[in-house]
Every structure is written in structure tokens, then in C-alpha cells.
Amino acid sequence: TNMRAVFCRRCDLIVEVCHPQIVKEFGSLFLSHAHFMGVFIRMSKHPSCFRLTGEALSDWKEGEGRRVLFSGSVAELCPLAPNNVNTMAAAAVAAGALGFAGVRGEIVSDTALADSHLVEVEVTGCDGFSVNAVRRNPAALGAVTGSATYASFWSSVQGKCKLFFLSKIHFM
């Protein structure tokens, strides 16, 4: 089959189940024509846990409930909440061709979340395919980062140290 002829038609999803040589030869061509998936991430926290630029939360009141503060591209969201969107930024980097402009993000202020942060991720593909994941991270009021994040980070660092046989770790 002529692999270049595949792109005479518009494609939204490419599922790679071929020999590695095909990916080596045509991988860049594949990625120039298709996004693998759509990605949406919602981060919900108590309003005291957000560090936003601007006045989006200047008028919050305890007990007000849920309020969507922003919904749009992660590219637009990052400057508004630079201390709160590392999960979304990492997803935008991992999403390859979608990037910061293609990954959708939403931040939600919710006064009912007094002891945790909630991250919901939805990845969608063709014909109704979707994967949804929800992570609840324990967090104190006013905490930008949930308490389980530190343990997760440290576990990742230790794993990398074992992988690359590093003998010392220095934090600055």
C-alpha cells in the first residue's frame, strides 16, 4: 500500500499497529495530518486554593457552591492561573499535535471542596470512544497543591534515580 495515498482523505485518528519501520518512515507524516485524541481537563478546588491573575475570585463567599472560572484552551488558561495548571500544562505537552491550543481546560471554584482538589480528565476519539479519569487529591484549605502530589513527585524522582543509576539528588 502507498502510505502517502492514505492522506488523500482527511483522517482524525491513526491507530498504529504496524511494523516499527512504517512508523520510522512515516511517523512525521502521520502526525502532520491527524490528532490522536481530544483532551479536556477540569480542575476543581476550594476558592482559597487558587492563585489567579486578575479579579476572577475577588468576590467569592463561603457557601456559594460551584462556579466555573474559565473554560477554554490551556494556552489561554496558563497565564490566568500559572500556579494552578501544571497538570493541564503537562497534558498539553503530552498531547503532542494538540498542544496548548488544542487541549481544553476548565477551572472551577467549589466551596464544597474543603478537603481536596478534584481533577477530571476526558480523552475522546472517534465514534463515541472516550476514557474518563477522576483524581481526588487531599488538600488543606488554601493549599495550591494537594498533599498526595508530594509523594507522587518523590516516587517519580526515586524511580528515575534507580533507572539512571544516579547516586545523589540535590534540590535547590
C-alpha atoms as a PDB file:
ATOM      1  CA  THR A   1       0.000   0.000   0.000  1.00  0.00           C
ATOM      2  CA  ASN A   2       1.188   3.513  -0.795  1.00  0.00           C
ATOM      3  CA  MET A   3       1.223   5.136   2.659  1.00  0.00           C
ATOM      4  CA  ARG A   4       1.235   8.651   1.214  1.00  0.00           C
ATOM      5  CA  ALA A   5      -2.039   7.915  -0.588  1.00  0.00           C
ATOM      6  CA  VAL A   6      -3.732   7.375   2.785  1.00  0.00           C
ATOM      7  CA  PHE A   7      -3.697  11.142   3.311  1.00  0.00           C
ATOM      8  CA  CYS A   8      -5.750  11.925   0.207  1.00  0.00           C
ATOM      9  CA  ARG A   9      -8.646  11.554   2.650  1.00  0.00           C
ATOM     10  CA  ARG A  10      -8.948  13.553   5.856  1.00  0.00           C
ATOM     11  CA  CYS A  11      -8.196  11.476   8.945  1.00  0.00           C
ATOM     12  CA  ASP A  12      -8.838  12.302  12.575  1.00  0.00           C
ATOM     13  CA  LEU A  13      -7.257   9.281  14.228  1.00  0.00           C
ATOM     14  CA  ILE A  14      -4.419   6.958  13.322  1.00  0.00           C
ATOM     15  CA  VAL A  15      -4.058   3.679  15.187  1.00  0.00           C
ATOM     16  CA  GLU A  16      -0.548   2.329  14.766  1.00  0.00           C
ATOM     17  CA  VAL A  17      -0.475  -1.468  14.574  1.00  0.00           C
ATOM     18  CA  CYS A  18       2.270  -1.806  12.017  1.00  0.00           C
ATOM     19  CA  HIS A  19       5.920  -2.716  11.785  1.00  0.00           C
ATOM     20  CA  PRO A  20       8.235  -0.188  13.514  1.00  0.00           C
ATOM     21  CA  GLN A  21       9.819   0.588  10.136  1.00  0.00           C
ATOM     22  CA  ILE A  22       6.498   2.082   8.963  1.00  0.00           C
ATOM     23  CA  VAL A  23       6.468   4.433  11.944  1.00  0.00           C
ATOM     24  CA  LYS A  24      10.104   5.302  11.371  1.00  0.00           C
ATOM     25  CA  GLU A  25       9.447   6.178   7.725  1.00  0.00           C
ATOM     26  CA  PHE A  26       6.007   7.769   8.002  1.00  0.00           C
ATOM     27  CA  GLY A  27       5.552   8.824  11.648  1.00  0.00           C
ATOM     28  CA  SER A  28       6.131  12.518  10.965  1.00  0.00           C
ATOM     29  CA  LEU A  29       3.704  12.371   8.051  1.00  0.00           C
ATOM     30  CA  PHE A  30       1.069  10.718  10.270  1.00  0.00           C
ATOM     31  CA  LEU A  31       1.401  13.386  12.949  1.00  0.00           C
ATOM     32  CA  SER A  32       1.222  16.206  10.415  1.00  0.00           C
ATOM     33  CA  HIS A  33      -2.254  15.052   9.351  1.00  0.00           C
ATOM     34  CA  ALA A  34      -4.035  13.859  12.477  1.00  0.00           C
ATOM     35  CA  HIS A  35      -4.565  14.434  16.169  1.00  0.00           C
ATOM     36  CA  PHE A  36      -4.573  11.299  18.202  1.00  0.00           C
ATOM     37  CA  MET A  37      -7.349  12.291  20.591  1.00  0.00           C
ATOM     38  CA  GLY A  38      -9.209  15.221  22.085  1.00  0.00           C
ATOM     39  CA  VAL A  39      -8.286  16.097  25.656  1.00  0.00           C
ATOM     40  CA  PHE A  40     -10.353  18.009  28.241  1.00  0.00           C
ATOM     41  CA  ILE A  41      -9.236  18.589  31.841  1.00  0.00           C
ATOM     42  CA  ARG A  42     -11.298  20.140  34.630  1.00  0.00           C
ATOM     43  CA  MET A  43      -9.643  21.160  37.887  1.00  0.00           C
ATOM     44  CA  SER A  44     -11.968  21.947  40.779  1.00  0.00           C
ATOM     45  CA  LYS A  45     -10.771  23.395  44.088  1.00  0.00           C
ATOM     46  CA  HIS A  46     -11.951  25.443  47.007  1.00  0.00           C
ATOM     47  CA  PRO A  47     -11.624  29.137  46.018  1.00  0.00           C
ATOM     48  CA  SER A  48      -8.903  29.679  48.643  1.00  0.00           C
ATOM     49  CA  CYS A  49      -6.690  27.205  46.751  1.00  0.00           C
ATOM     50  CA  PHE A  50      -6.491  29.205  43.529  1.00  0.00           C
ATOM     51  CA  ARG A  51      -3.761  31.759  42.811  1.00  0.00           C
ATOM     52  CA  LEU A  52      -5.159  33.618  39.820  1.00  0.00           C
ATOM     53  CA  THR A  53      -4.069  36.719  37.986  1.00  0.00           C
ATOM     54  CA  GLY A  54      -6.882  39.235  37.764  1.00  0.00           C
ATOM     55  CA  GLU A  55     -10.061  39.522  39.774  1.00  0.00           C
ATOM     56  CA  ALA A  56     -11.934  36.306  38.893  1.00  0.00           C
ATOM     57  CA  LEU A  57     -12.244  35.253  42.551  1.00  0.00           C
ATOM     58  CA  SER A  58     -12.122  38.568  44.388  1.00  0.00           C
ATOM     59  CA  ASP A  59     -15.799  38.349  45.334  1.00  0.00           C
ATOM     60  CA  TRP A  60     -16.181  34.699  46.422  1.00  0.00           C
ATOM     61  CA  LYS A  61     -18.158  33.890  49.543  1.00  0.00           C
ATOM     62  CA  GLU A  62     -18.051  30.749  51.662  1.00  0.00           C
ATOM     63  CA  GLY A  63     -21.003  28.511  50.825  1.00  0.00           C
ATOM     64  CA  GLU A  64     -21.574  29.927  47.329  1.00  0.00           C
ATOM     65  CA  GLY A  65     -21.087  26.489  45.753  1.00  0.00           C
ATOM     66  CA  ARG A  66     -19.668  25.831  42.316  1.00  0.00           C
ATOM     67  CA  ARG A  67     -18.525  28.496  39.839  1.00  0.00           C
ATOM     68  CA  VAL A  68     -16.770  27.941  36.501  1.00  0.00           C
ATOM     69  CA  LEU A  69     -13.938  30.475  36.429  1.00  0.00           C
ATOM     70  CA  PHE A  70     -12.586  29.679  32.981  1.00  0.00           C
ATOM     71  CA  SER A  71     -13.250  27.235  30.170  1.00  0.00           C
ATOM     72  CA  GLY A  72     -11.149  27.275  27.010  1.00  0.00           C
ATOM     73  CA  SER A  73      -7.728  26.339  25.679  1.00  0.00           C
ATOM     74  CA  VAL A  74      -4.904  25.554  28.072  1.00  0.00           C
ATOM     75  CA  ALA A  75      -2.888  28.161  26.150  1.00  0.00           C
ATOM     76  CA  GLU A  76      -5.340  30.836  27.331  1.00  0.00           C
ATOM     77  CA  LEU A  77      -5.674  29.372  30.824  1.00  0.00           C
ATOM     78  CA  CYS A  78      -1.992  29.128  31.812  1.00  0.00           C
ATOM     79  CA  PRO A  79      -1.419  32.901  32.117  1.00  0.00           C
ATOM     80  CA  LEU A  80      -4.606  33.260  34.201  1.00  0.00           C
ATOM     81  CA  ALA A  81      -3.709  30.563  36.727  1.00  0.00           C
ATOM     82  CA  PRO A  82       0.048  29.945  36.442  1.00  0.00           C
ATOM     83  CA  ASN A  83       0.287  28.326  39.889  1.00  0.00           C
ATOM     84  CA  ASN A  84      -2.659  26.007  39.377  1.00  0.00           C
ATOM     85  CA  VAL A  85      -2.377  24.446  35.937  1.00  0.00           C
ATOM     86  CA  ASN A  86       0.735  22.255  35.945  1.00  0.00           C
ATOM     87  CA  THR A  87      -1.398  19.127  35.397  1.00  0.00           C
ATOM     88  CA  MET A  88      -3.039  20.741  32.378  1.00  0.00           C
ATOM     89  CA  ALA A  89       0.260  22.018  31.002  1.00  0.00           C
ATOM     90  CA  ALA A  90       1.784  18.539  31.310  1.00  0.00           C
ATOM     91  CA  ALA A  91      -1.207  17.077  29.449  1.00  0.00           C
ATOM     92  CA  ALA A  92      -0.814  19.683  26.687  1.00  0.00           C
ATOM     93  CA  VAL A  93       2.846  18.737  26.276  1.00  0.00           C
ATOM     94  CA  ALA A  94       1.985  15.015  26.289  1.00  0.00           C
ATOM     95  CA  ALA A  95      -0.836  15.517  23.777  1.00  0.00           C
ATOM     96  CA  GLY A  96       1.685  16.183  21.021  1.00  0.00           C
ATOM     97  CA  ALA A  97      -0.023  17.708  17.989  1.00  0.00           C
ATOM     98  CA  LEU A  98      -2.921  19.072  20.082  1.00  0.00           C
ATOM     99  CA  GLY A  99      -0.550  21.164  22.189  1.00  0.00           C
ATOM    100  CA  PHE A 100      -1.572  24.013  24.467  1.00  0.00           C
ATOM    101  CA  ALA A 101      -4.057  25.436  21.958  1.00  0.00           C
ATOM    102  CA  GLY A 102      -5.780  22.102  21.314  1.00  0.00           C
ATOM    103  CA  VAL A 103      -6.146  20.785  24.860  1.00  0.00           C
ATOM    104  CA  ARG A 104      -9.210  22.228  26.582  1.00  0.00           C
ATOM    105  CA  GLY A 105      -9.079  23.192  30.230  1.00  0.00           C
ATOM    106  CA  GLU A 106     -11.551  24.350  32.827  1.00  0.00           C
ATOM    107  CA  ILE A 107     -11.026  25.610  36.365  1.00  0.00           C
ATOM    108  CA  VAL A 108     -13.890  25.506  38.825  1.00  0.00           C
ATOM    109  CA  SER A 109     -14.195  27.160  42.210  1.00  0.00           C
ATOM    110  CA  ASP A 110     -16.246  24.973  44.558  1.00  0.00           C
ATOM    111  CA  THR A 111     -16.702  25.858  48.225  1.00  0.00           C
ATOM    112  CA  ALA A 112     -17.802  22.252  48.916  1.00  0.00           C
ATOM    113  CA  LEU A 113     -14.216  21.084  48.247  1.00  0.00           C
ATOM    114  CA  ALA A 114     -12.875  21.995  51.675  1.00  0.00           C
ATOM    115  CA  ASP A 115     -10.536  18.987  51.970  1.00  0.00           C
ATOM    116  CA  SER A 116      -9.469  18.025  48.426  1.00  0.00           C
ATOM    117  CA  HIS A 117      -8.760  19.048  44.851  1.00  0.00           C
ATOM    118  CA  LEU A 118     -10.579  17.272  42.044  1.00  0.00           C
ATOM    119  CA  VAL A 119      -9.059  16.687  38.599  1.00  0.00           C
ATOM    120  CA  GLU A 120     -11.218  15.193  35.846  1.00  0.00           C
ATOM    121  CA  VAL A 121      -9.669  14.153  32.533  1.00  0.00           C
ATOM    122  CA  GLU A 122     -11.617  13.135  29.453  1.00  0.00           C
ATOM    123  CA  VAL A 123      -9.906  11.815  26.338  1.00  0.00           C
ATOM    124  CA  THR A 124     -12.154  11.355  23.311  1.00  0.00           C
ATOM    125  CA  GLY A 125     -11.669   9.712  19.952  1.00  0.00           C
ATOM    126  CA  CYS A 126     -13.815   8.711  17.020  1.00  0.00           C
ATOM    127  CA  ASP A 127     -17.296   7.180  17.058  1.00  0.00           C
ATOM    128  CA  GLY A 128     -18.046   7.948  20.698  1.00  0.00           C
ATOM    129  CA  PHE A 129     -14.864   6.435  22.180  1.00  0.00           C
ATOM    130  CA  SER A 130     -13.851   8.113  25.435  1.00  0.00           C
ATOM    131  CA  VAL A 131     -11.827   7.483  28.559  1.00  0.00           C
ATOM    132  CA  ASN A 132     -12.600   9.372  31.760  1.00  0.00           C
ATOM    133  CA  ALA A 133     -10.414   9.543  34.850  1.00  0.00           C
ATOM    134  CA  VAL A 134     -11.055  11.336  38.134  1.00  0.00           C
ATOM    135  CA  ARG A 135      -8.386  12.043  40.736  1.00  0.00           C
ATOM    136  CA  ARG A 136      -9.243  13.350  44.186  1.00  0.00           C
ATOM    137  CA  ASN A 137      -6.156  14.693  45.948  1.00  0.00           C
ATOM    138  CA  PRO A 138      -6.443  15.513  49.673  1.00  0.00           C
ATOM    139  CA  ALA A 139      -5.651  19.194  50.305  1.00  0.00           C
ATOM    140  CA  ALA A 140      -5.923  21.681  53.129  1.00  0.00           C
ATOM    141  CA  LEU A 141      -7.863  24.907  52.697  1.00  0.00           C
ATOM    142  CA  GLY A 142      -5.685  27.430  50.913  1.00  0.00           C
ATOM    143  CA  ALA A 143      -3.252  24.814  49.592  1.00  0.00           C
ATOM    144  CA  VAL A 144      -2.354  25.281  45.931  1.00  0.00           C
ATOM    145  CA  THR A 145      -1.019  21.713  45.719  1.00  0.00           C
ATOM    146  CA  GLY A 146      -2.713  18.633  47.141  1.00  0.00           C
ATOM    147  CA  SER A 147      -0.893  16.594  49.793  1.00  0.00           C
ATOM    148  CA  ALA A 148      -0.601  13.438  47.638  1.00  0.00           C
ATOM    149  CA  THR A 149       1.294  15.396  44.956  1.00  0.00           C
ATOM    150  CA  TYR A 150       4.482  15.489  47.016  1.00  0.00           C
ATOM    151  CA  ALA A 151       4.527  11.700  47.498  1.00  0.00           C
ATOM    152  CA  SER A 152       3.845  11.191  43.795  1.00  0.00           C
ATOM    153  CA  PHE A 153       6.653  13.569  42.836  1.00  0.00           C
ATOM    154  CA  TRP A 154       9.105  11.923  45.222  1.00  0.00           C
ATOM    155  CA  SER A 155       8.197   8.462  43.923  1.00  0.00           C
ATOM    156  CA  SER A 156       8.873   9.651  40.361  1.00  0.00           C
ATOM    157  CA  VAL A 157      12.251  11.099  41.354  1.00  0.00           C
ATOM    158  CA  GLN A 158      13.230   7.869  43.091  1.00  0.00           C
ATOM    159  CA  GLY A 159      12.158   5.838  40.071  1.00  0.00           C
ATOM    160  CA  LYS A 160      14.292   7.983  37.761  1.00  0.00           C
ATOM    161  CA  CYS A 161      17.245   7.677  40.117  1.00  0.00           C
ATOM    162  CA  LYS A 162      17.017   3.894  40.005  1.00  0.00           C
ATOM    163  CA  LEU A 163      16.532   3.939  36.265  1.00  0.00           C
ATOM    164  CA  PHE A 164      19.570   6.074  35.544  1.00  0.00           C
ATOM    165  CA  PHE A 165      21.673   4.839  38.479  1.00  0.00           C
ATOM    166  CA  LEU A 166      22.011   8.301  39.961  1.00  0.00           C
ATOM    167  CA  SER A 167      23.685   8.307  43.342  1.00  0.00           C
ATOM    168  CA  LYS A 168      22.778  11.779  44.635  1.00  0.00           C
ATOM    169  CA  ILE A 169      19.815  14.113  44.457  1.00  0.00           C
ATOM    170  CA  HIS A 170      20.148  17.839  45.063  1.00  0.00           C
ATOM    171  CA  PHE A 171      17.181  20.191  45.461  1.00  0.00           C
ATOM    172  CA  MET A 172      17.710  23.916  45.137  1.00  0.00           C
END
